[in-house]
Amino acid sequence: ILWTRLVNDPLADGGGVPDQSLPVRWEVAADDGFEDVVASGDAVAEPALAHTVHVDASGLQADTWYWYRFSVGGTTSPVGRTRTAPARGDDPRRLRFAFASCQDRQAGYWTAYDHMAAEDIDLVVHLGDYIYEGGPDVAALRPAQTPAPTDLAGYRRRLGEYRADPALQAVHAQVPWICTWDDHEVRNNYANDVPDQVDEASVSSGEFLERRAAAYQAYYEHMPVRV
């Protein structure tokens, strides 16, 4: 899945982008200079999905590095790099990957991502807690710039805040990611329809499920995942 989001200000409602559908062109090439474009097409960035784009690129060779980019009008995105999986039945000689989890932005700087971007790895596996949903901590090293999210707009702002980190962006642009979520994607220690927090004991199941649905949608919008 090739992913991008059209955004001017990730902390603003709607990302600072007009509330309208916008056409997006995507290209995949066998070289970083895009002399050999092997796949291309058109997509639409819809405001209902935070102007994100998920392209399920097909027809590519197995076990191969590719480069991709998006363009809107006269603006072209930075170039990303990705790799296809080995074909079924193949026996790769080597697979190197990094895993990450529990990236609480308020707790410190993500220097590990600087190292990942420079290392010879094939992919990143992210095991969840891509965001932390708590409110700003003024004593933290990097206090959150957004309030604690409880609705779709809030989760979009929090994910946009995290996605703006340059070290995190660099690794997303360097290798493909395999992602799943954990509890902080919604609420600490939630399970199914249960918030599992003393201060939310009075929240009804229906209210929490609305919050969970908003968090899940925002997660999908901001991650390179299929529906």
Protein backbone atom coordinates (compact mmCIF):
# COMPACT_ATOMS: atom_id res chain seq x y z
CA ILE A 1 0.00 0.00 0.00
CA LEU A 2 1.41 3.39 -1.04
CA TRP A 3 0.23 6.14 1.32
CA THR A 4 0.13 9.90 1.42
CA ARG A 5 -1.93 12.69 2.94
CA LEU A 6 -2.59 16.13 1.51
CA VAL A 7 -2.08 18.53 4.39
CA ASN A 8 -1.04 22.14 5.00
CA ASP A 9 -1.34 22.17 8.79
CA PRO A 10 -1.74 18.80 10.55
CA LEU A 11 -2.96 20.53 13.72
CA ALA A 12 -5.77 22.41 11.98
CA ASP A 13 -9.27 21.11 11.34
CA GLY A 14 -9.28 19.43 7.95
CA GLY A 15 -5.51 19.65 7.82
CA GLY A 16 -5.78 23.16 6.41
CA VAL A 17 -6.94 21.74 3.06
CA PRO A 18 -10.12 22.84 1.24
CA ASP A 19 -13.17 20.71 2.01
CA GLN A 20 -13.35 19.15 -1.45
CA SER A 21 -12.15 16.10 -3.34
CA LEU A 22 -8.73 16.53 -4.93
CA PRO A 23 -7.21 14.44 -7.76
CA VAL A 24 -3.86 12.80 -7.04
CA ARG A 25 -1.46 11.21 -9.53
CA TRP A 26 0.79 8.37 -8.34
CA GLU A 27 3.83 6.76 -9.96
CA VAL A 28 6.03 3.76 -9.20
CA ALA A 29 9.47 3.48 -10.77
CA ALA A 30 12.35 1.03 -10.86
CA ASP A 31 14.79 3.88 -10.17
CA ASP A 32 14.82 6.91 -7.90
CA GLY A 33 15.08 9.26 -10.87
CA PHE A 34 11.82 7.91 -12.36
CA GLU A 35 13.40 7.18 -15.72
CA ASP A 36 11.69 3.76 -15.69
CA VAL A 37 8.10 4.21 -14.49
CA VAL A 38 6.53 0.75 -14.18
CA ALA A 39 3.10 1.65 -12.75
CA SER A 40 1.00 4.78 -12.43
CA GLY A 41 -2.55 5.87 -11.96
CA ASP A 42 -4.97 8.38 -10.54
CA ALA A 43 -6.58 8.50 -7.12
CA VAL A 44 -8.85 10.91 -5.29
CA ALA A 45 -8.10 12.42 -1.89
CA GLU A 46 -11.46 12.72 -0.15
CA PRO A 47 -12.15 15.03 2.81
CA ALA A 48 -14.17 12.18 4.40
CA LEU A 49 -10.84 10.34 4.82
CA ALA A 50 -8.73 13.38 5.80
CA HIS A 51 -7.48 13.74 2.22
CA THR A 52 -5.43 10.56 2.57
CA VAL A 53 -4.65 8.24 -0.31
CA HIS A 54 -4.11 4.47 -0.16
CA VAL A 55 -2.91 2.95 -3.44
CA ASP A 56 -2.88 -0.84 -3.72
CA ALA A 57 -0.14 -1.06 -6.33
CA SER A 58 -0.28 -4.29 -8.32
CA GLY A 59 1.61 -5.90 -11.19
CA LEU A 60 5.04 -5.35 -9.62
CA GLN A 61 7.90 -7.84 -9.54
CA ALA A 62 8.42 -9.85 -6.35
CA ASP A 63 11.34 -9.18 -4.00
CA THR A 64 12.22 -5.87 -5.69
CA TRP A 65 12.93 -2.33 -4.53
CA TYR A 66 10.76 0.42 -6.04
CA TRP A 67 10.42 4.18 -5.68
CA TYR A 68 7.12 6.06 -5.64
CA ARG A 69 5.75 9.60 -5.54
CA PHE A 70 2.50 11.52 -5.68
CA SER A 71 1.58 14.78 -7.41
CA VAL A 72 -1.28 17.24 -7.09
CA GLY A 73 -1.42 20.05 -9.61
CA GLY A 74 2.11 21.40 -9.83
CA THR A 75 3.22 19.96 -6.47
CA THR A 76 5.11 16.66 -6.20
CA SER A 77 5.70 14.78 -2.96
CA PRO A 78 9.09 13.67 -1.68
CA VAL A 79 10.10 10.30 -3.14
CA GLY A 80 9.43 7.18 -1.10
CA ARG A 81 11.06 3.78 -1.41
CA THR A 82 9.40 0.43 -0.90
CA ARG A 83 10.05 -3.27 -1.43
CA THR A 84 7.78 -6.06 -2.58
CA ALA A 85 7.62 -9.35 -0.73
CA PRO A 86 9.32 -12.49 -2.08
CA ALA A 87 7.18 -14.71 -4.29
CA ARG A 88 5.42 -17.66 -2.72
CA GLY A 89 7.75 -20.62 -2.56
CA ASP A 90 10.91 -18.51 -2.62
CA ASP A 91 13.49 -19.00 0.11
CA PRO A 92 15.15 -15.62 0.70
CA ARG A 93 18.73 -15.77 1.90
CA ARG A 94 18.25 -12.79 4.19
CA LEU A 95 15.53 -10.73 5.81
CA ARG A 96 16.45 -7.80 8.03
CA PHE A 97 13.78 -5.80 9.79
CA ALA A 98 13.35 -3.46 12.71
CA PHE A 99 10.41 -3.38 15.07
CA ALA A 100 9.02 -0.42 16.93
CA SER A 101 6.25 0.18 19.44
CA CYS A 102 5.07 2.47 22.23
CA GLN A 103 6.30 5.71 20.67
CA ASP A 104 5.17 8.24 23.26
CA ARG A 105 6.16 11.53 21.66
CA GLN A 106 6.07 13.37 24.98
CA ALA A 107 8.64 10.99 26.48
CA GLY A 108 11.55 12.01 24.26
CA TYR A 109 13.11 12.29 20.82
CA TRP A 110 12.96 9.36 18.40
CA THR A 111 16.67 9.03 17.67
CA ALA A 112 16.17 5.30 17.05
CA TYR A 113 14.37 6.25 13.83
CA ASP A 114 17.42 8.20 12.69
CA HIS A 115 19.38 4.96 12.98
CA MET A 116 16.69 2.88 11.24
CA ALA A 117 16.65 5.26 8.27
CA ALA A 118 20.41 4.78 7.86
CA GLU A 119 20.46 1.00 8.29
CA ASP A 120 20.20 -1.72 5.64
CA ILE A 121 16.79 -3.14 6.54
CA ASP A 122 13.96 -4.49 4.42
CA LEU A 123 11.00 -3.33 6.49
CA VAL A 124 9.71 -2.07 9.82
CA VAL A 125 7.17 -3.95 11.91
CA HIS A 126 5.21 -1.59 14.16
CA LEU A 127 3.55 -3.41 17.05
CA GLY A 128 1.20 -0.66 18.18
CA ASP A 129 0.90 2.43 20.33
CA TYR A 130 1.79 4.52 17.29
CA ILE A 131 0.28 7.40 19.25
CA TYR A 132 -0.37 8.06 22.93
CA GLU A 133 -3.76 9.54 23.61
CA GLY A 134 -3.12 11.46 26.82
CA GLY A 135 -3.34 15.22 27.23
CA PRO A 136 -0.36 17.58 27.18
CA ASP A 137 2.15 17.14 30.01
CA VAL A 138 3.88 20.47 30.62
CA ALA A 139 6.74 18.65 32.39
CA ALA A 140 7.40 16.35 29.42
CA LEU A 141 10.40 16.67 27.15
CA ARG A 142 8.12 17.28 24.16
CA PRO A 143 4.67 18.32 25.47
CA ALA A 144 1.81 17.39 23.19
CA GLN A 145 0.61 20.19 20.95
CA THR A 146 -2.90 18.80 20.77
CA PRO A 147 -5.54 18.08 23.45
CA ALA A 148 -6.34 14.51 24.44
CA PRO A 149 -8.40 13.14 21.53
CA THR A 150 -11.91 11.80 22.01
CA ASP A 151 -13.45 12.28 18.55
CA LEU A 152 -12.41 11.93 14.91
CA ALA A 153 -11.05 15.47 14.60
CA GLY A 154 -9.01 14.99 17.76
CA TYR A 155 -7.48 11.69 16.69
CA ARG A 156 -6.66 13.16 13.30
CA ARG A 157 -4.83 16.05 14.96
CA ARG A 158 -2.90 13.72 17.26
CA LEU A 159 -1.87 11.41 14.40
CA GLY A 160 -0.98 14.44 12.29
CA GLU A 161 1.22 15.72 15.12
CA TYR A 162 3.06 12.40 15.30
CA ARG A 163 3.32 12.06 11.53
CA ALA A 164 5.00 15.47 11.31
CA ASP A 165 8.09 14.17 13.12
CA PRO A 166 10.97 14.25 10.56
CA ALA A 167 12.70 11.11 11.87
CA LEU A 168 9.48 9.10 11.66
CA GLN A 169 8.80 10.44 8.18
CA ALA A 170 12.29 9.43 7.04
CA VAL A 171 11.79 5.77 7.97
CA HIS A 172 8.33 5.64 6.41
CA ALA A 173 9.90 6.98 3.22
CA GLN A 174 12.79 4.50 3.30
CA VAL A 175 11.16 1.07 3.77
CA PRO A 176 7.70 -0.53 3.88
CA TRP A 177 5.92 -0.95 7.22
CA ILE A 178 3.75 -3.75 8.60
CA CYS A 179 1.48 -2.22 11.22
CA THR A 180 -1.02 -3.18 13.88
CA TRP A 181 -2.47 -1.25 16.79
CA ASP A 182 -2.46 -1.48 20.57
CA ASP A 183 -4.47 0.19 23.32
CA HIS A 184 -3.10 3.75 23.11
CA GLU A 185 -4.45 4.04 19.56
CA VAL A 186 -7.80 4.55 21.37
CA ARG A 187 -7.51 4.68 25.19
CA ASN A 188 -5.03 3.21 27.64
CA ASN A 189 -5.96 -0.37 28.59
CA TYR A 190 -9.21 -0.45 26.64
CA ALA A 191 -10.49 -3.87 25.61
CA ASN A 192 -13.32 -4.49 23.15
CA ASP A 193 -16.05 -2.04 24.29
CA VAL A 194 -14.62 -1.47 27.78
CA PRO A 195 -12.60 1.72 28.47
CA ASP A 196 -11.08 0.05 31.59
CA GLN A 197 -10.36 3.34 33.28
CA VAL A 198 -11.68 4.41 36.69
CA ASP A 199 -12.27 7.96 35.48
CA GLU A 200 -14.37 6.63 32.59
CA ALA A 201 -16.42 4.17 34.61
CA SER A 202 -19.56 6.17 33.90
CA VAL A 203 -19.06 6.21 30.12
CA SER A 204 -21.66 4.11 28.36
CA SER A 205 -20.65 1.33 25.98
CA GLY A 206 -22.26 3.19 23.09
CA GLU A 207 -20.33 6.38 23.79
CA PHE A 208 -17.06 4.52 23.98
CA LEU A 209 -17.75 2.60 20.76
CA GLU A 210 -18.24 5.94 18.99
CA ARG A 211 -14.86 7.04 20.27
CA ARG A 212 -13.28 3.73 19.28
CA ALA A 213 -14.73 3.99 15.78
CA ALA A 214 -13.28 7.48 15.41
CA ALA A 215 -9.86 6.30 16.58
CA TYR A 216 -9.90 3.31 14.22
CA GLN A 217 -10.85 5.51 11.27
CA ALA A 218 -8.10 8.02 12.00
CA TYR A 219 -5.59 5.18 12.39
CA TYR A 220 -6.56 3.76 8.98
CA GLU A 221 -6.38 7.21 7.41
CA HIS A 222 -2.82 7.81 8.61
CA MET A 223 -1.26 4.37 8.13
CA PRO A 224 -0.25 2.31 5.05
CA VAL A 225 -2.87 -0.38 5.68
CA ARG A 226 -5.75 -1.95 3.78
CA VAL A 227 -9.34 -1.63 4.97
